[in-house]
Amino acid sequence: TDVGCTNPRSVVSFPGGVAFQCDSELYLCDRGLQVTWIGKEVRDTLAQFPNITSAVLVAADNEIRWTCNAADAGIILVFDYLRNAWMVREYFDGGVIEDAIVHNGSYYFATSSAVYRENRDTHLDDGEYVDVSIILSATNPGSGPFSWNRVKAAQLIGTSLTNHDLTISIARDFSGSTQQDKTFSAGSSVTSAGPLEQARIDLA
């Protein structure tokens, strides 16, 4: 292969093989010793936060977490290797993240001024909601005058662990702004804590 590890702090072993940073990209050397580029979907994020300071396997969540920094800000780049999905986690103090580990089943990360621990017993942050944005890829309904009849609604299904607000937004034709929004307020039958959360928006 024509790539190799350029940052030893980015190396992490997981059931799919070994992941590592080469220049400003993330690659996987799988169990068959084939090297593939796994970081395509997050290349813009990694270009903004190119300095990886830790790579940790969080096996309980089937995740690899890289702490990534810019000059004065840090994020945690998360790869769910079962779903082959990427996430970005930002923290309220916004500072540079020095390092991270998993100890006794808990994920810790350190900034220059504090050490933070992920607590699995609560889904709040110091009693406040944790803001989460989930952005899905574009859906192509096909072509022709009746194509939009194929996409009538969007539905979110999940588990509500704490009472919360929820907004579903729809953007069309790759617009940077949304054309349709629906909000389910905290305390509603959709967003109250319970084993099944179902939220639906009919496309205009």
Protein backbone atom coordinates (compact mmCIF):
# COMPACT_ATOMS: atom_id res chain seq x y z
CA THR A 1 0.00 0.00 0.00
CA ASP A 2 1.07 3.59 -0.49
CA VAL A 3 -0.16 4.80 2.93
CA GLY A 4 1.23 4.38 6.42
CA CYS A 5 0.66 5.70 9.92
CA THR A 6 1.83 9.28 10.42
CA ASN A 7 0.54 9.68 14.00
CA PRO A 8 1.13 6.87 16.54
CA ARG A 9 -1.51 8.33 18.88
CA SER A 10 -4.17 7.62 16.22
CA VAL A 11 -3.63 3.84 16.17
CA VAL A 12 -6.41 1.66 17.60
CA SER A 13 -7.12 -2.05 17.34
CA PHE A 14 -10.74 -3.23 17.15
CA PRO A 15 -12.60 -6.34 15.89
CA GLY A 16 -12.40 -5.12 12.28
CA GLY A 17 -8.62 -4.64 12.29
CA VAL A 18 -6.37 -1.66 13.02
CA ALA A 19 -7.34 1.94 12.26
CA PHE A 20 -4.79 4.73 11.90
CA GLN A 21 -4.18 8.25 10.62
CA CYS A 22 -2.16 8.89 7.49
CA ASP A 23 -1.58 12.61 6.95
CA SER A 24 -5.11 14.08 7.19
CA GLU A 25 -7.07 10.87 6.57
CA LEU A 26 -8.17 7.78 8.52
CA TYR A 27 -7.52 4.30 7.18
CA LEU A 28 -8.25 0.71 8.16
CA CYS A 29 -5.92 -2.26 7.85
CA ASP A 30 -8.40 -5.15 8.11
CA ARG A 31 -7.81 -8.73 9.26
CA GLY A 32 -6.93 -9.70 5.70
CA LEU A 33 -4.26 -6.95 5.62
CA GLN A 34 -6.23 -4.93 3.07
CA VAL A 35 -5.95 -1.16 3.57
CA THR A 36 -9.06 0.95 2.94
CA TRP A 37 -9.94 4.61 3.43
CA ILE A 38 -12.65 4.65 6.11
CA GLY A 39 -12.64 8.39 6.83
CA LYS A 40 -14.11 9.69 3.58
CA GLU A 41 -17.34 10.92 5.22
CA VAL A 42 -15.44 12.92 7.87
CA ARG A 43 -12.53 14.25 5.82
CA ASP A 44 -13.77 17.85 6.09
CA THR A 45 -14.11 17.55 9.88
CA LEU A 46 -10.66 15.99 10.18
CA ALA A 47 -9.22 18.77 8.04
CA GLN A 48 -10.60 21.30 10.57
CA PHE A 49 -9.34 19.26 13.57
CA PRO A 50 -6.22 17.52 12.21
CA ASN A 51 -4.32 16.87 15.45
CA ILE A 52 -5.38 13.49 16.87
CA THR A 53 -4.30 13.06 20.51
CA SER A 54 -5.88 9.70 21.35
CA ALA A 55 -7.64 6.70 19.82
CA VAL A 56 -9.78 4.55 22.11
CA LEU A 57 -11.93 1.48 21.58
CA VAL A 58 -15.21 1.75 23.52
CA ALA A 59 -16.32 -1.84 23.04
CA ALA A 60 -19.55 -1.46 25.05
CA ASP A 61 -20.84 0.94 22.37
CA ASN A 62 -19.09 -0.66 19.36
CA GLU A 63 -17.27 2.63 18.84
CA ILE A 64 -13.82 3.95 18.12
CA ARG A 65 -13.32 7.46 19.50
CA TRP A 66 -10.56 9.80 18.36
CA THR A 67 -9.92 13.06 20.21
CA CYS A 68 -9.14 15.65 17.52
CA ASN A 69 -7.96 19.23 18.00
CA ALA A 70 -7.61 22.46 16.12
CA ALA A 71 -5.45 25.26 17.52
CA ASP A 72 -7.81 26.09 20.41
CA ALA A 73 -10.76 23.66 20.20
CA GLY A 74 -11.34 19.94 20.42
CA ILE A 75 -13.92 17.39 19.33
CA ILE A 76 -14.37 13.64 19.63
CA LEU A 77 -14.70 11.87 16.31
CA VAL A 78 -16.72 8.66 16.71
CA PHE A 79 -16.90 5.67 14.35
CA ASP A 80 -19.62 3.08 15.02
CA TYR A 81 -18.02 0.06 13.39
CA LEU A 82 -21.14 -2.12 13.51
CA ARG A 83 -23.32 0.43 11.70
CA ASN A 84 -20.41 1.86 9.68
CA ALA A 85 -21.57 5.32 10.77
CA TRP A 86 -19.71 8.47 11.89
CA MET A 87 -20.59 10.98 14.61
CA VAL A 88 -18.97 14.14 15.95
CA ARG A 89 -19.25 15.01 19.65
CA GLU A 90 -18.55 18.50 20.91
CA TYR A 91 -18.28 19.44 24.58
CA PHE A 92 -19.43 22.60 26.29
CA ASP A 93 -16.04 23.97 27.33
CA GLY A 94 -14.81 23.65 23.76
CA GLY A 95 -11.16 23.41 24.75
CA VAL A 96 -8.35 21.28 23.39
CA ILE A 97 -8.57 17.61 24.43
CA GLU A 98 -5.23 16.27 25.64
CA ASP A 99 -5.92 12.53 25.94
CA ALA A 100 -8.59 9.88 26.58
CA ILE A 101 -8.87 6.36 28.03
CA VAL A 102 -11.40 3.71 29.01
CA HIS A 103 -11.02 2.73 32.67
CA ASN A 104 -13.28 0.30 34.54
CA GLY A 105 -15.80 0.52 31.70
CA SER A 106 -16.04 4.34 31.72
CA TYR A 107 -14.73 6.70 29.05
CA TYR A 108 -12.59 9.58 30.31
CA PHE A 109 -11.05 12.49 28.45
CA ALA A 110 -8.77 15.23 29.74
CA THR A 111 -8.44 18.89 28.82
CA SER A 112 -5.75 21.19 30.17
CA SER A 113 -7.99 22.10 33.12
CA ALA A 114 -10.22 19.09 33.89
CA VAL A 115 -10.92 15.39 33.46
CA TYR A 116 -14.41 14.38 32.27
CA ARG A 117 -16.07 11.00 32.77
CA GLU A 118 -18.94 9.61 30.74
CA ASN A 119 -21.67 8.47 33.14
CA ARG A 120 -23.93 5.67 31.88
CA ASP A 121 -26.43 6.20 34.70
CA THR A 122 -27.78 9.49 33.34
CA HIS A 123 -28.40 10.93 29.89
CA LEU A 124 -28.23 14.56 31.02
CA ASP A 125 -25.22 16.84 31.33
CA ASP A 126 -25.26 18.44 34.79
CA GLY A 127 -29.05 18.20 34.71
CA GLU A 128 -29.39 19.75 31.24
CA TYR A 129 -30.38 18.21 27.93
CA VAL A 130 -27.55 17.13 25.66
CA ASP A 131 -28.16 18.69 22.25
CA VAL A 132 -27.87 16.14 19.45
CA SER A 133 -28.15 16.74 15.71
CA ILE A 134 -28.55 13.78 13.34
CA ILE A 135 -28.13 14.62 9.66
CA LEU A 136 -29.10 11.95 7.14
CA SER A 137 -27.82 11.68 3.59
CA ALA A 138 -29.91 12.90 0.71
CA THR A 139 -32.77 10.71 -0.57
CA ASN A 140 -33.35 10.51 -4.31
CA PRO A 141 -37.04 9.80 -5.02
CA GLY A 142 -36.33 9.08 -8.69
CA SER A 143 -37.31 11.04 -11.75
CA GLY A 144 -40.52 11.95 -13.52
CA PRO A 145 -43.66 13.84 -12.51
CA PHE A 146 -44.80 11.25 -9.96
CA SER A 147 -41.46 10.69 -8.25
CA TRP A 148 -42.37 12.54 -5.04
CA ASN A 149 -45.30 10.19 -4.49
CA ARG A 150 -42.64 7.66 -3.51
CA VAL A 151 -41.46 9.75 -0.55
CA LYS A 152 -44.47 10.69 1.55
CA ALA A 153 -43.19 10.86 5.11
CA ALA A 154 -40.16 10.65 7.37
CA GLN A 155 -40.34 8.75 10.62
CA LEU A 156 -37.96 8.50 13.57
CA ILE A 157 -38.17 5.46 15.83
CA GLY A 158 -36.11 5.04 18.99
CA THR A 159 -36.03 4.81 22.75
CA SER A 160 -36.66 7.91 24.85
CA LEU A 161 -34.38 7.75 27.89
CA THR A 162 -35.28 11.20 29.27
CA ASN A 163 -37.95 13.77 28.57
CA HIS A 164 -36.78 16.07 25.75
CA ASP A 165 -37.66 18.30 22.82
CA LEU A 166 -37.42 16.93 19.27
CA THR A 167 -37.43 18.73 15.93
CA ILE A 168 -37.43 17.05 12.53
CA SER A 169 -36.39 19.31 9.64
CA ILE A 170 -36.59 18.67 5.90
CA ALA A 171 -34.37 20.35 3.30
CA ARG A 172 -34.90 19.92 -0.43
CA ASP A 173 -32.59 20.02 -3.43
CA PHE A 174 -29.43 20.17 -1.29
CA SER A 175 -30.49 23.50 0.24
CA GLY A 176 -28.48 24.83 3.17
CA SER A 177 -31.72 25.78 4.94
CA THR A 178 -34.78 23.71 5.78
CA GLN A 179 -38.17 24.17 4.14
CA GLN A 180 -40.24 22.16 6.59
CA ASP A 181 -39.95 21.68 10.36
CA LYS A 182 -42.01 19.86 12.97
CA THR A 183 -41.32 20.11 16.70
CA PHE A 184 -42.46 17.69 19.38
CA SER A 185 -42.24 19.47 22.74
CA ALA A 186 -40.96 17.97 25.96
CA GLY A 187 -43.69 16.13 27.84
CA SER A 188 -45.59 15.13 24.72
CA SER A 189 -46.65 11.54 24.09
CA VAL A 190 -43.78 11.31 21.58
CA THR A 191 -40.93 12.67 23.70
CA SER A 192 -41.69 11.52 27.25
CA ALA A 193 -39.41 8.79 28.57
CA GLY A 194 -40.52 5.38 27.43
CA PRO A 195 -39.53 2.24 25.57
CA LEU A 196 -40.66 3.43 22.13
CA GLU A 197 -40.47 6.87 20.59
CA GLN A 198 -42.19 7.40 17.23
CA ALA A 199 -42.11 10.78 15.50
CA ARG A 200 -43.46 11.32 11.99
CA ILE A 201 -43.50 14.24 9.56
CA ASP A 202 -45.50 14.19 6.33
CA LEU A 203 -43.60 15.80 3.50
CA ALA A 204 -45.28 18.84 2.03
